[in-house]
Structures are given as C-alpha cells and as structure tokens.
C-alpha cells in the first residue's frame, strides 16, 4: 500500500475517531445523536477550513510511518497526535456549520475584562485585528534578563544589559495597565512548544499571579 492509500485510510480512521470524540466525554462538544448527513441544508463549502482539516490529517499521517508497525504512542506522542485530531475536528466542525449543523463552542473565548500578555508583537497584532476591544500587551521577549540565558546561553553581558532595560520598561507598562484597567485577571497566551513563552508565563505568574491559556485553544 503506497503513502497516498495509507493517507486515505488514515483520514477514514481519523473521521471515525472524531465521531467517537463527539459522543464520548463530557468535556467534548457533542451533537445530538439523531443528527445525520440527511439533515444537511444547502450551503457553500468552506474551502479554507476543509483544506486545513486535510492538511492536519496529513501531518498526523507521519505517525503511521514513524511508529510502524505497532503504532504505539507514549504520553507525549499521544498528546501530539490527539492535538492534531482535535485540530482537524475543529476545522471539520466549521465546514459542517455552513450546512446547518450546530456545535457547542470549544475554543477559549477572550474576555474584555482580562489583561492578556503575549511574547510577540505579531501575535498581539493578530489578536487586536480579530478583537480590537481586548486588553493585550506584548513583552516582545522575556520578562527577566536572566531568562534570556536559558534561551541563548552564549549571550554577552552588553546585550544582556540592553535586555534588562527593555524588561524594566515592559514590566512598568504592565504595572500601569493593571493599575489603570483593574483587570479581573492577568493571563499569558502560551505556545507550549515555545520556551520563551513558558519563561514569560512563569515570570508573570510570579509577578502578577498570572494564569495561562494555550494558543492552540484559540480560534486564530
């Protein structure tokens, strides 16, 4: 069986797994058991979401080859594989919504009374373009100069002094926003695969009692 045929098999299995996720577990959005394809109404295919679903499954397809012939996954591999399946499910839900199917919301919704911290200006722009009303600030790097040594062990002292000044400016900005906005909570948006994000969260937790949400849970 060639790779294309294996990919087709994977897609069929993944769709079956997604159906199981929809009908099992209280934290998983579910549709009524009586809902079927016969309930579809006229609509337009969301090509972008459909393609994203396929691309995600193709990415998951890599597990078939790396873990053959037994396809057993350890805890970390299982999380990574299931993350892709859940991601695919979200894309497919959006495809089906165009044809009259309604699903419970599963993405984390950003709130107007929360101060969000991100580590990059690119993410800040993305969030503000989608929700201009939210309160979000970018650290544009770490919150403490010593954390940069974790990311770049070879960093020189001159560069570290510059980062130290930048960190103080950012922390002062965050403190001013907290004083002005009186947010219900401070939340760091974290990419779990980004060491810098993790370090920003740990410092923000220490300084502001911040919580965190995973960027994967946001509909960006």
N, C-alpha and C. Protein backbone atom coordinates (compact mmCIF):
# COMPACT_ATOMS: atom_id res chain seq x y z
N UNK A 1 0.86 -1.20 0.00
CA UNK A 1 0.00 0.00 0.00
C UNK A 1 0.89 1.24 0.00
N UNK A 2 0.68 2.16 -1.00
CA UNK A 2 1.53 3.35 -1.06
C UNK A 2 1.09 4.40 -0.05
N UNK A 3 1.87 5.48 0.00
CA UNK A 3 1.62 6.52 1.01
C UNK A 3 0.26 7.18 0.82
N UNK A 4 -0.16 7.39 -0.45
CA UNK A 4 -1.45 8.02 -0.70
C UNK A 4 -2.58 7.15 -0.18
N UNK A 5 -2.49 5.83 -0.43
CA UNK A 5 -3.53 4.93 0.07
C UNK A 5 -3.54 4.91 1.59
N UNK A 6 -2.34 4.91 2.18
CA UNK A 6 -2.27 4.96 3.65
C UNK A 6 -2.89 6.24 4.19
N UNK A 7 -2.70 7.35 3.48
CA UNK A 7 -3.28 8.61 3.91
C UNK A 7 -4.80 8.55 3.86
N UNK A 8 -5.33 7.91 2.83
CA UNK A 8 -6.79 7.77 2.72
C UNK A 8 -7.33 6.93 3.88
N UNK A 9 -6.61 5.86 4.21
CA UNK A 9 -7.01 5.02 5.34
C UNK A 9 -6.98 5.82 6.63
N UNK A 10 -5.91 6.64 6.79
CA UNK A 10 -5.79 7.47 7.98
C UNK A 10 -6.96 8.42 8.10
N UNK A 11 -7.34 9.05 6.98
CA UNK A 11 -8.45 10.01 7.01
C UNK A 11 -9.73 9.33 7.44
N UNK A 12 -9.98 8.11 6.92
CA UNK A 12 -11.19 7.38 7.32
C UNK A 12 -11.16 7.06 8.81
N UNK A 13 -9.98 6.62 9.30
CA UNK A 13 -9.86 6.29 10.72
C UNK A 13 -10.00 7.53 11.59
N UNK A 14 -9.43 8.64 11.13
CA UNK A 14 -9.49 9.88 11.91
C UNK A 14 -10.91 10.39 12.02
N UNK A 15 -11.66 10.30 10.91
CA UNK A 15 -13.06 10.73 10.94
C UNK A 15 -13.85 9.87 11.91
N UNK A 16 -13.54 8.57 11.93
CA UNK A 16 -14.19 7.68 12.89
C UNK A 16 -13.83 8.06 14.31
N UNK A 17 -12.54 8.41 14.53
CA UNK A 17 -12.10 8.81 15.86
C UNK A 17 -12.76 10.11 16.29
N UNK A 18 -12.92 11.03 15.34
CA UNK A 18 -13.58 12.29 15.63
C UNK A 18 -15.02 12.07 16.02
N UNK A 19 -15.67 11.13 15.33
CA UNK A 19 -17.06 10.81 15.70
C UNK A 19 -17.12 10.28 17.13
N UNK A 20 -16.13 9.45 17.49
CA UNK A 20 -16.09 8.92 18.86
C UNK A 20 -15.89 10.04 19.87
N UNK A 21 -15.02 10.99 19.55
CA UNK A 21 -14.81 12.14 20.43
C UNK A 21 -16.08 12.94 20.61
N UNK A 22 -16.90 12.99 19.59
CA UNK A 22 -18.14 13.76 19.65
C UNK A 22 -19.20 13.09 20.51
N UNK A 23 -19.03 11.81 20.80
CA UNK A 23 -20.07 11.09 21.52
C UNK A 23 -19.59 10.56 22.85
N UNK A 24 -18.36 10.94 23.26
CA UNK A 24 -17.81 10.41 24.49
C UNK A 24 -17.10 11.52 25.25
N UNK A 25 -17.32 11.58 26.56
CA UNK A 25 -16.59 12.53 27.39
C UNK A 25 -17.34 13.83 27.55
N UNK A 26 -17.56 14.25 28.76
CA UNK A 26 -18.38 15.42 28.99
C UNK A 26 -17.73 16.71 28.56
N UNK A 27 -16.39 16.73 28.44
CA UNK A 27 -15.72 17.97 28.06
C UNK A 27 -15.62 18.13 26.55
N UNK A 28 -16.09 17.14 25.78
CA UNK A 28 -16.00 17.21 24.34
C UNK A 28 -17.33 17.67 23.77
N UNK A 29 -17.34 18.71 22.93
CA UNK A 29 -18.58 19.16 22.34
C UNK A 29 -19.26 18.02 21.60
N UNK A 30 -20.56 17.89 21.76
CA UNK A 30 -21.28 16.79 21.15
C UNK A 30 -22.49 17.32 20.38
N UNK A 31 -22.85 16.61 19.34
CA UNK A 31 -24.07 16.91 18.62
C UNK A 31 -25.11 15.89 19.01
N UNK A 32 -26.38 16.20 18.74
CA UNK A 32 -27.43 15.25 19.07
C UNK A 32 -27.19 13.95 18.31
N UNK A 33 -27.44 12.82 18.96
CA UNK A 33 -27.18 11.53 18.34
C UNK A 33 -28.06 11.31 17.12
N UNK A 34 -29.18 12.03 17.04
CA UNK A 34 -30.09 11.84 15.92
C UNK A 34 -29.65 12.62 14.67
N UNK A 35 -28.65 13.49 14.83
CA UNK A 35 -28.18 14.30 13.71
C UNK A 35 -27.43 13.41 12.72
N UNK A 36 -27.72 13.59 11.45
CA UNK A 36 -27.02 12.82 10.42
C UNK A 36 -26.82 13.70 9.20
N UNK A 37 -26.12 13.17 8.22
CA UNK A 37 -25.87 13.92 7.00
C UNK A 37 -27.17 14.29 6.28
N UNK A 38 -28.24 13.53 6.57
CA UNK A 38 -29.53 13.82 5.94
C UNK A 38 -30.12 15.16 6.38
N UNK A 39 -29.59 15.70 7.49
CA UNK A 39 -30.07 16.99 8.00
C UNK A 39 -29.39 18.18 7.33
N UNK A 40 -28.43 17.90 6.43
CA UNK A 40 -27.68 18.98 5.79
C UNK A 40 -28.60 19.87 4.97
N UNK A 41 -28.35 21.18 5.06
CA UNK A 41 -29.08 22.16 4.27
C UNK A 41 -28.13 22.74 3.22
N UNK A 42 -28.71 23.42 2.25
CA UNK A 42 -27.88 23.98 1.19
C UNK A 42 -26.88 24.97 1.79
N UNK A 43 -25.71 25.02 1.24
CA UNK A 43 -24.67 25.91 1.76
C UNK A 43 -23.47 25.89 0.85
N UNK A 44 -22.43 26.56 1.29
CA UNK A 44 -21.20 26.68 0.50
C UNK A 44 -20.05 26.02 1.25
N UNK A 45 -19.25 25.24 0.55
CA UNK A 45 -18.12 24.58 1.19
C UNK A 45 -17.10 25.63 1.64
N UNK A 46 -16.74 25.58 2.91
CA UNK A 46 -15.67 26.44 3.42
C UNK A 46 -14.36 25.79 3.01
N UNK A 47 -13.86 26.20 1.86
CA UNK A 47 -12.69 25.54 1.27
C UNK A 47 -11.47 25.65 2.17
N UNK A 48 -11.29 26.82 2.77
CA UNK A 48 -10.13 27.03 3.63
C UNK A 48 -10.12 26.05 4.80
N UNK A 49 -11.27 25.92 5.49
CA UNK A 49 -11.34 25.03 6.64
C UNK A 49 -11.24 23.57 6.22
N UNK A 50 -11.84 23.23 5.07
CA UNK A 50 -11.75 21.85 4.58
C UNK A 50 -10.30 21.48 4.28
N UNK A 51 -9.60 22.37 3.61
CA UNK A 51 -8.19 22.10 3.29
C UNK A 51 -7.35 22.02 4.55
N UNK A 52 -7.64 22.89 5.52
CA UNK A 52 -6.89 22.85 6.78
C UNK A 52 -7.09 21.51 7.49
N UNK A 53 -8.32 20.97 7.42
CA UNK A 53 -8.60 19.66 8.03
C UNK A 53 -7.75 18.58 7.36
N UNK A 54 -7.70 18.61 6.04
CA UNK A 54 -6.91 17.61 5.30
C UNK A 54 -5.42 17.76 5.59
N UNK A 55 -4.93 19.00 5.60
CA UNK A 55 -3.51 19.22 5.87
C UNK A 55 -3.14 18.72 7.27
N UNK A 56 -4.06 18.92 8.23
CA UNK A 56 -3.79 18.47 9.60
C UNK A 56 -3.71 16.96 9.66
N UNK A 57 -4.61 16.29 8.93
CA UNK A 57 -4.58 14.82 8.91
C UNK A 57 -3.31 14.30 8.22
N UNK A 58 -2.89 14.98 7.19
CA UNK A 58 -1.66 14.57 6.52
C UNK A 58 -0.47 14.72 7.47
N UNK A 59 -0.51 15.78 8.29
CA UNK A 59 0.54 15.95 9.30
C UNK A 59 0.50 14.81 10.31
N UNK A 60 -0.72 14.40 10.69
CA UNK A 60 -0.87 13.29 11.63
C UNK A 60 -0.44 11.97 10.99
N UNK A 61 -0.53 11.91 9.66
CA UNK A 61 -0.17 10.70 8.92
C UNK A 61 1.27 10.28 9.20
N UNK A 62 2.10 11.24 9.54
CA UNK A 62 3.51 10.96 9.82
C UNK A 62 3.68 9.95 10.95
N UNK A 63 2.71 9.94 11.88
CA UNK A 63 2.78 8.99 12.99
C UNK A 63 2.67 7.55 12.51
N UNK A 64 1.95 7.32 11.43
CA UNK A 64 1.81 5.96 10.91
C UNK A 64 3.15 5.38 10.52
N UNK A 65 3.98 6.22 9.96
CA UNK A 65 5.27 5.74 9.44
C UNK A 65 6.35 5.71 10.51
N UNK A 66 6.30 6.70 11.40
CA UNK A 66 7.31 6.75 12.45
C UNK A 66 7.09 5.67 13.51
N UNK A 67 5.84 5.25 13.70
CA UNK A 67 5.54 4.32 14.78
C UNK A 67 5.13 2.93 14.27
N UNK A 68 5.33 2.68 12.98
CA UNK A 68 5.02 1.36 12.43
C UNK A 68 6.00 0.33 13.00
N UNK A 69 5.61 -0.95 13.12
CA UNK A 69 4.31 -1.48 12.68
C UNK A 69 3.24 -1.50 13.78
N UNK A 70 3.61 -1.19 15.03
CA UNK A 70 2.66 -1.37 16.13
C UNK A 70 1.83 -0.11 16.44
N UNK A 71 2.34 1.06 16.01
CA UNK A 71 1.62 2.33 16.18
C UNK A 71 1.30 2.65 17.64
N UNK A 72 2.19 2.25 18.53
CA UNK A 72 2.03 2.58 19.95
C UNK A 72 2.67 3.94 20.22
N UNK A 73 1.95 4.78 20.97
CA UNK A 73 2.45 6.12 21.27
C UNK A 73 2.65 6.28 22.76
N UNK A 74 3.77 6.93 23.14
CA UNK A 74 3.95 7.25 24.56
C UNK A 74 3.11 8.47 24.91
N UNK A 75 3.18 8.93 26.15
CA UNK A 75 2.31 10.02 26.59
C UNK A 75 2.47 11.28 25.75
N UNK A 76 3.71 11.68 25.52
CA UNK A 76 3.94 12.91 24.75
C UNK A 76 3.50 12.76 23.30
N UNK A 77 3.79 11.60 22.71
CA UNK A 77 3.37 11.35 21.33
C UNK A 77 1.85 11.30 21.22
N UNK A 78 1.22 10.70 22.21
CA UNK A 78 -0.25 10.62 22.21
C UNK A 78 -0.86 12.02 22.27
N UNK A 79 -0.28 12.89 23.10
CA UNK A 79 -0.78 14.26 23.20
C UNK A 79 -0.63 14.98 21.86
N UNK A 80 0.53 14.81 21.22
CA UNK A 80 0.78 15.48 19.95
C UNK A 80 -0.18 14.97 18.87
N UNK A 81 -0.36 13.65 18.82
CA UNK A 81 -1.25 13.07 17.81
C UNK A 81 -2.70 13.51 18.04
N UNK A 82 -3.14 13.43 19.29
CA UNK A 82 -4.52 13.81 19.59
C UNK A 82 -4.75 15.30 19.40
N UNK A 83 -3.71 16.11 19.61
CA UNK A 83 -3.84 17.55 19.36
C UNK A 83 -4.16 17.79 17.90
N UNK A 84 -3.52 17.03 17.01
CA UNK A 84 -3.80 17.16 15.58
C UNK A 84 -5.21 16.71 15.25
N UNK A 85 -5.67 15.64 15.89
CA UNK A 85 -7.02 15.14 15.62
C UNK A 85 -8.07 16.15 16.10
N UNK A 86 -7.84 16.71 17.29
CA UNK A 86 -8.77 17.73 17.80
C UNK A 86 -8.77 18.96 16.88
N UNK A 87 -7.58 19.32 16.39
CA UNK A 87 -7.48 20.46 15.49
C UNK A 87 -8.26 20.20 14.22
N UNK A 88 -8.12 18.99 13.70
CA UNK A 88 -8.87 18.60 12.50
C UNK A 88 -10.36 18.68 12.77
N UNK A 89 -10.78 18.21 13.93
CA UNK A 89 -12.20 18.23 14.29
C UNK A 89 -12.75 19.66 14.27
N UNK A 90 -11.97 20.61 14.80
CA UNK A 90 -12.43 21.99 14.81
C UNK A 90 -12.64 22.51 13.38
N UNK A 91 -11.70 22.16 12.49
CA UNK A 91 -11.85 22.58 11.10
C UNK A 91 -13.08 21.95 10.46
N UNK A 92 -13.30 20.66 10.70
CA UNK A 92 -14.44 19.97 10.11
C UNK A 92 -15.76 20.51 10.67
N UNK A 93 -15.78 20.86 11.95
CA UNK A 93 -16.99 21.45 12.54
C UNK A 93 -17.37 22.72 11.78
N UNK A 94 -16.36 23.52 11.42
CA UNK A 94 -16.64 24.78 10.72
C UNK A 94 -17.13 24.52 9.30
N UNK A 95 -16.66 23.43 8.69
CA UNK A 95 -17.17 23.05 7.37
C UNK A 95 -18.65 22.68 7.48
N UNK A 96 -18.98 21.88 8.49
CA UNK A 96 -20.35 21.41 8.67
C UNK A 96 -21.30 22.53 9.07
N UNK A 97 -20.79 23.54 9.78
CA UNK A 97 -21.64 24.66 10.20
C UNK A 97 -22.22 25.39 9.00
N UNK A 98 -21.51 25.37 7.88
CA UNK A 98 -22.00 26.03 6.67
C UNK A 98 -23.23 25.32 6.09
N UNK A 99 -23.49 24.11 6.55
CA UNK A 99 -24.62 23.33 6.04
C UNK A 99 -25.68 23.09 7.11
N UNK A 100 -25.70 23.97 8.11
CA UNK A 100 -26.78 23.98 9.08
C UNK A 100 -26.56 23.20 10.36
N UNK A 101 -25.37 22.60 10.53
CA UNK A 101 -25.09 21.85 11.75
C UNK A 101 -24.54 22.79 12.81
N UNK A 102 -25.00 22.64 14.04
CA UNK A 102 -24.57 23.50 15.13
C UNK A 102 -23.79 22.67 16.15
N UNK A 103 -22.67 23.21 16.59
CA UNK A 103 -21.83 22.53 17.56
C UNK A 103 -21.61 23.43 18.76
N UNK A 104 -21.42 22.82 19.92
CA UNK A 104 -21.07 23.60 21.10
C UNK A 104 -19.71 24.23 20.89
N UNK A 105 -19.56 25.44 21.42
CA UNK A 105 -18.28 26.13 21.29
C UNK A 105 -17.22 25.45 22.15
N UNK A 106 -16.03 25.24 21.58
CA UNK A 106 -14.95 24.63 22.36
C UNK A 106 -13.72 25.53 22.45
N UNK A 107 -13.64 26.57 21.57
CA UNK A 107 -12.49 27.46 21.67
C UNK A 107 -12.60 28.35 22.90
N UNK A 108 -11.47 28.69 23.45
CA UNK A 108 -11.44 29.62 24.56
C UNK A 108 -11.83 31.00 24.04
N UNK A 109 -12.75 31.65 24.73
CA UNK A 109 -13.18 32.99 24.33
C UNK A 109 -12.42 34.03 25.15
N UNK A 110 -11.86 35.00 24.46
CA UNK A 110 -11.14 36.06 25.14
C UNK A 110 -12.13 37.05 25.75
N UNK A 111 -11.79 37.57 26.93
CA UNK A 111 -12.70 38.43 27.68
C UNK A 111 -12.18 39.87 27.72
N UNK A 112 -13.13 40.79 27.76
CA UNK A 112 -12.78 42.20 27.76
C UNK A 112 -12.25 42.72 29.07
N UNK A 113 -12.51 41.99 30.17
CA UNK A 113 -12.06 42.47 31.49
C UNK A 113 -10.78 41.80 31.96
N UNK A 114 -10.07 41.15 31.04
CA UNK A 114 -8.83 40.45 31.35
C UNK A 114 -7.67 41.15 30.65
N UNK A 115 -6.50 41.18 31.29
CA UNK A 115 -5.30 41.68 30.64
C UNK A 115 -4.50 40.48 30.13
N UNK A 116 -4.31 40.42 28.83
CA UNK A 116 -3.57 39.32 28.22
C UNK A 116 -2.14 39.75 27.93
N UNK A 117 -1.21 38.83 28.18
CA UNK A 117 0.20 39.07 27.90
C UNK A 117 0.64 38.06 26.84
N UNK A 118 1.31 38.56 25.81
CA UNK A 118 1.87 37.69 24.78
C UNK A 118 3.35 38.02 24.64
N UNK A 119 4.11 37.12 24.06
CA UNK A 119 5.56 37.35 23.98
C UNK A 119 5.99 37.96 22.65
N UNK A 120 5.06 38.08 21.69
CA UNK A 120 5.44 38.62 20.38
C UNK A 120 4.45 39.68 19.90
N UNK A 121 4.99 40.66 19.20
CA UNK A 121 4.15 41.72 18.64
C UNK A 121 3.28 41.18 17.51
N UNK A 122 3.75 40.15 16.82
CA UNK A 122 2.98 39.56 15.74
C UNK A 122 1.67 38.98 16.27
N UNK A 123 1.75 38.26 17.39
CA UNK A 123 0.54 37.70 17.99
C UNK A 123 -0.37 38.81 18.51
N UNK A 124 0.22 39.85 19.08
CA UNK A 124 -0.57 40.98 19.56
C UNK A 124 -1.38 41.58 18.41
N UNK A 125 -0.74 41.78 17.25
CA UNK A 125 -1.45 42.34 16.10
C UNK A 125 -2.55 41.42 15.63
N UNK A 126 -2.28 40.12 15.65
CA UNK A 126 -3.29 39.14 15.23
C UNK A 126 -4.51 39.18 16.14
N UNK A 127 -4.27 39.27 17.44
CA UNK A 127 -5.37 39.31 18.41
C UNK A 127 -6.16 40.61 18.27
N UNK A 128 -5.47 41.73 18.13
CA UNK A 128 -6.15 43.02 18.04
C UNK A 128 -6.94 43.17 16.75
N UNK A 129 -6.46 42.54 15.68
CA UNK A 129 -7.19 42.61 14.41
C UNK A 129 -8.50 41.84 14.50
N UNK A 130 -8.50 40.79 15.32
CA UNK A 130 -9.71 39.97 15.46
C UNK A 130 -10.63 40.51 16.55
N UNK A 131 -10.05 41.01 17.64
CA UNK A 131 -10.83 41.55 18.76
C UNK A 131 -10.19 42.85 19.22
N UNK A 132 -10.48 43.96 18.54
CA UNK A 132 -9.85 45.25 18.87
C UNK A 132 -10.09 45.71 20.30
N UNK A 133 -11.16 45.20 20.91
CA UNK A 133 -11.53 45.68 22.24
C UNK A 133 -10.78 45.01 23.38
N UNK A 134 -10.04 43.93 23.11
CA UNK A 134 -9.39 43.23 24.22
C UNK A 134 -8.15 43.99 24.68
N UNK A 135 -7.78 43.76 25.94
CA UNK A 135 -6.59 44.37 26.53
C UNK A 135 -5.43 43.39 26.42
N UNK A 136 -4.46 43.73 25.60
CA UNK A 136 -3.33 42.82 25.40
C UNK A 136 -2.04 43.62 25.27
N UNK A 137 -0.98 43.09 25.86
CA UNK A 137 0.32 43.74 25.81
C UNK A 137 1.37 42.70 25.43
N UNK A 138 2.35 43.13 24.64
CA UNK A 138 3.43 42.24 24.22
C UNK A 138 4.70 42.53 25.00
N UNK A 139 5.34 41.48 25.47
CA UNK A 139 6.64 41.63 26.14
C UNK A 139 7.76 41.75 25.11
N UNK A 140 7.47 41.28 23.88
CA UNK A 140 8.47 41.28 22.80
C UNK A 140 9.76 40.62 23.28
N UNK A 141 9.59 39.54 24.01
CA UNK A 141 10.75 38.83 24.55
C UNK A 141 10.48 38.40 25.99
N UNK A 142 11.52 38.18 26.75
CA UNK A 142 11.38 37.71 28.12
C UNK A 142 11.03 38.85 29.08
N UNK A 143 10.62 38.47 30.29
CA UNK A 143 10.29 39.46 31.32
C UNK A 143 11.43 39.67 32.31
N UNK A 144 12.44 38.81 32.25
CA UNK A 144 13.59 38.94 33.15
C UNK A 144 14.85 38.62 32.35
N UNK A 145 15.87 39.46 32.43
CA UNK A 145 17.07 39.26 31.60
C UNK A 145 17.74 37.91 31.81
N UNK A 146 17.69 37.39 33.03
CA UNK A 146 18.34 36.10 33.29
C UNK A 146 17.69 34.97 32.48
N UNK A 147 16.40 35.15 32.15
CA UNK A 147 15.71 34.12 31.36
C UNK A 147 16.26 34.01 29.95
N UNK A 148 16.84 35.11 29.47
CA UNK A 148 17.41 35.07 28.13
C UNK A 148 18.61 34.12 28.07
N UNK A 149 19.27 33.93 29.20
CA UNK A 149 20.39 32.99 29.23
C UNK A 149 19.94 31.56 29.01
N UNK A 150 18.68 31.28 29.35
CA UNK A 150 18.14 29.93 29.12
C UNK A 150 17.93 29.71 27.62
N UNK A 151 17.49 30.78 26.95
CA UNK A 151 17.24 30.68 25.52
C UNK A 151 18.53 30.81 24.71
N UNK A 152 19.39 31.74 25.16
CA UNK A 152 20.67 31.97 24.47
C UNK A 152 21.81 31.94 25.49
N UNK A 153 22.31 30.76 25.82
CA UNK A 153 23.37 30.64 26.83
C UNK A 153 24.64 31.43 26.50
N UNK A 154 24.87 31.71 25.22
CA UNK A 154 26.09 32.39 24.81
C UNK A 154 25.93 33.91 24.73
N UNK A 155 24.82 34.44 25.21
CA UNK A 155 24.57 35.87 25.11
C UNK A 155 25.61 36.64 25.93
N UNK A 156 26.10 37.78 25.38
CA UNK A 156 27.14 38.54 26.09
C UNK A 156 26.51 39.55 27.06
N UNK A 157 27.34 40.06 27.95
CA UNK A 157 26.85 40.95 29.01
C UNK A 157 26.31 42.27 28.47
N UNK A 158 26.90 42.77 27.39
CA UNK A 158 26.43 44.02 26.81
C UNK A 158 25.00 43.88 26.31
N UNK A 159 24.74 42.79 25.61
CA UNK A 159 23.38 42.54 25.10
C UNK A 159 22.41 42.33 26.26
N UNK A 160 22.90 41.68 27.31
CA UNK A 160 22.06 41.40 28.47
C UNK A 160 21.64 42.69 29.18
N UNK A 161 22.52 43.69 29.19
CA UNK A 161 22.18 44.97 29.80
C UNK A 161 21.06 45.66 29.04
N UNK A 162 21.11 45.56 27.71
CA UNK A 162 20.06 46.14 26.87
C UNK A 162 18.73 45.45 27.12
N UNK A 163 18.77 44.13 27.26
CA UNK A 163 17.56 43.36 27.52
C UNK A 163 17.01 43.71 28.90
N UNK A 164 17.90 43.94 29.85
CA UNK A 164 17.48 44.29 31.20
C UNK A 164 16.67 45.58 31.21
N UNK A 165 17.13 46.60 30.46
CA UNK A 165 16.41 47.87 30.37
C UNK A 165 15.05 47.67 29.71
N UNK A 166 15.04 46.86 28.67
CA UNK A 166 13.79 46.58 27.96
C UNK A 166 12.79 45.88 28.87
N UNK A 167 13.28 44.94 29.67
CA UNK A 167 12.40 44.21 30.60
C UNK A 167 11.77 45.16 31.62
N UNK A 168 12.54 46.10 32.11
CA UNK A 168 12.02 47.06 33.08
C UNK A 168 10.94 47.92 32.46
N UNK A 169 11.15 48.35 31.22
CA UNK A 169 10.15 49.16 30.52
C UNK A 169 8.84 48.38 30.36
N UNK A 170 8.96 47.10 29.95
CA UNK A 170 7.76 46.27 29.74
C UNK A 170 7.04 46.02 31.06
N UNK A 171 7.78 45.73 32.11
CA UNK A 171 7.14 45.47 33.41
C UNK A 171 6.44 46.72 33.94
N UNK A 172 7.05 47.88 33.72
CA UNK A 172 6.41 49.13 34.13
C UNK A 172 5.12 49.36 33.34
N UNK A 173 5.17 49.02 32.05
CA UNK A 173 3.98 49.15 31.21
C UNK A 173 2.86 48.24 31.70
N UNK A 174 3.21 47.01 32.04
CA UNK A 174 2.20 46.07 32.54
C UNK A 174 1.62 46.55 33.87
N UNK A 175 2.48 47.05 34.74
CA UNK A 175 2.00 47.56 36.03
C UNK A 175 1.05 48.74 35.85
N UNK A 176 1.37 49.62 34.90
CA UNK A 176 0.48 50.76 34.63
C UNK A 176 -0.88 50.29 34.11
N UNK A 177 -0.85 49.30 33.24
CA UNK A 177 -2.10 48.77 32.69
C UNK A 177 -2.95 48.12 33.78
N UNK A 178 -2.29 47.39 34.68
CA UNK A 178 -3.02 46.76 35.78
C UNK A 178 -3.65 47.82 36.68
N UNK A 179 -2.89 48.87 36.98
CA UNK A 179 -3.42 49.97 37.82
C UNK A 179 -4.59 50.67 37.14
N UNK A 180 -4.48 50.85 35.82
CA UNK A 180 -5.49 51.60 35.09
C UNK A 180 -6.74 50.77 34.79
N UNK A 181 -6.53 49.53 34.36
CA UNK A 181 -7.65 48.69 33.91
C UNK A 181 -8.33 47.92 35.04
N UNK A 182 -7.57 47.65 36.10
CA UNK A 182 -8.09 46.81 37.20
C UNK A 182 -8.68 45.51 36.64
N UNK A 183 -7.90 44.74 35.88
CA UNK A 183 -8.42 43.54 35.22
C UNK A 183 -8.85 42.47 36.24
N UNK A 184 -9.82 41.66 35.83
CA UNK A 184 -10.28 40.57 36.70
C UNK A 184 -9.18 39.53 36.89
N UNK A 185 -8.31 39.40 35.89
CA UNK A 185 -7.16 38.51 36.00
C UNK A 185 -6.16 38.84 34.90
N UNK A 186 -4.95 38.36 35.09
CA UNK A 186 -3.90 38.51 34.08
C UNK A 186 -3.63 37.13 33.49
N UNK A 187 -3.62 37.04 32.17
CA UNK A 187 -3.48 35.74 31.50
C UNK A 187 -2.38 35.82 30.44
N UNK A 188 -1.50 34.85 30.44
CA UNK A 188 -0.45 34.76 29.42
C UNK A 188 -0.90 33.75 28.36
N UNK A 189 -0.84 34.15 27.10
CA UNK A 189 -1.16 33.24 26.00
C UNK A 189 0.13 32.54 25.60
N UNK A 190 0.14 31.23 25.72
CA UNK A 190 1.38 30.46 25.62
C UNK A 190 1.34 29.44 24.49
N UNK A 191 2.40 29.41 23.73
CA UNK A 191 2.65 28.30 22.80
C UNK A 191 3.49 27.30 23.58
N UNK A 192 2.92 26.12 23.85
CA UNK A 192 3.60 25.14 24.70
C UNK A 192 4.93 24.68 24.12
N UNK A 193 5.13 24.88 22.83
CA UNK A 193 6.38 24.46 22.20
C UNK A 193 7.43 25.57 22.18
N UNK A 194 7.07 26.73 22.76
CA UNK A 194 7.97 27.88 22.75
C UNK A 194 8.53 28.10 24.14
N UNK A 195 9.83 27.90 24.30
CA UNK A 195 10.48 28.03 25.61
C UNK A 195 10.34 29.45 26.14
N UNK A 196 10.45 30.44 25.24
CA UNK A 196 10.31 31.82 25.67
C UNK A 196 8.94 32.10 26.27
N UNK A 197 7.89 31.56 25.65
CA UNK A 197 6.53 31.72 26.18
C UNK A 197 6.41 31.14 27.58
N UNK A 198 7.01 29.98 27.76
CA UNK A 198 6.96 29.33 29.07
C UNK A 198 7.64 30.18 30.13
N UNK A 199 8.77 30.79 29.77
CA UNK A 199 9.50 31.64 30.71
C UNK A 199 8.73 32.91 31.04
N UNK A 200 8.08 33.49 30.03
CA UNK A 200 7.26 34.68 30.27
C UNK A 200 6.12 34.33 31.22
N UNK A 201 5.50 33.18 31.01
CA UNK A 201 4.39 32.78 31.89
C UNK A 201 4.87 32.62 33.34
N UNK A 202 5.99 31.94 33.52
CA UNK A 202 6.49 31.70 34.88
C UNK A 202 6.80 33.02 35.61
N UNK A 203 7.39 33.97 34.88
CA UNK A 203 7.67 35.28 35.48
C UNK A 203 6.38 36.04 35.76
N UNK A 204 5.44 36.00 34.83
CA UNK A 204 4.17 36.71 35.01
C UNK A 204 3.36 36.10 36.15
N UNK A 205 3.47 34.80 36.31
CA UNK A 205 2.80 34.14 37.43
C UNK A 205 3.39 34.62 38.74
N UNK A 206 4.70 34.75 38.76
CA UNK A 206 5.41 35.21 39.96
C UNK A 206 5.11 36.67 40.27
N UNK A 207 5.06 37.51 39.24
CA UNK A 207 4.89 38.95 39.42
C UNK A 207 3.43 39.39 39.58
N UNK A 208 2.54 38.76 38.79
CA UNK A 208 1.16 39.25 38.73
C UNK A 208 0.11 38.18 39.07
N UNK A 209 0.58 36.99 39.47
CA UNK A 209 -0.38 35.91 39.73
C UNK A 209 -1.09 35.46 38.46
N UNK A 210 -0.38 35.54 37.33
CA UNK A 210 -1.00 35.27 36.04
C UNK A 210 -1.37 33.80 35.87
N UNK A 211 -2.40 33.61 35.08
CA UNK A 211 -2.78 32.27 34.62
C UNK A 211 -2.32 32.14 33.17
N UNK A 212 -2.55 30.99 32.56
CA UNK A 212 -2.16 30.84 31.16
C UNK A 212 -3.22 30.11 30.37
N UNK A 213 -3.26 30.39 29.07
CA UNK A 213 -4.07 29.62 28.14
C UNK A 213 -3.19 29.25 26.97
N UNK A 214 -3.50 28.12 26.34
CA UNK A 214 -2.71 27.62 25.23
C UNK A 214 -3.19 28.26 23.94
N UNK A 215 -2.27 28.73 23.14
CA UNK A 215 -2.62 29.36 21.89
C UNK A 215 -3.38 28.40 20.98
N UNK A 216 -3.15 27.10 21.16
CA UNK A 216 -3.85 26.10 20.34
C UNK A 216 -5.35 26.11 20.61
N UNK A 217 -5.76 26.62 21.77
CA UNK A 217 -7.18 26.64 22.13
C UNK A 217 -7.91 27.87 21.62
N UNK A 218 -7.18 28.76 20.95
CA UNK A 218 -7.78 29.98 20.42
C UNK A 218 -8.06 29.80 18.93
N UNK A 219 -9.14 30.40 18.50
CA UNK A 219 -9.52 30.33 17.09
C UNK A 219 -8.89 31.51 16.36
N UNK A 220 -7.61 31.37 15.99
CA UNK A 220 -6.90 32.47 15.34
C UNK A 220 -6.68 32.17 13.85
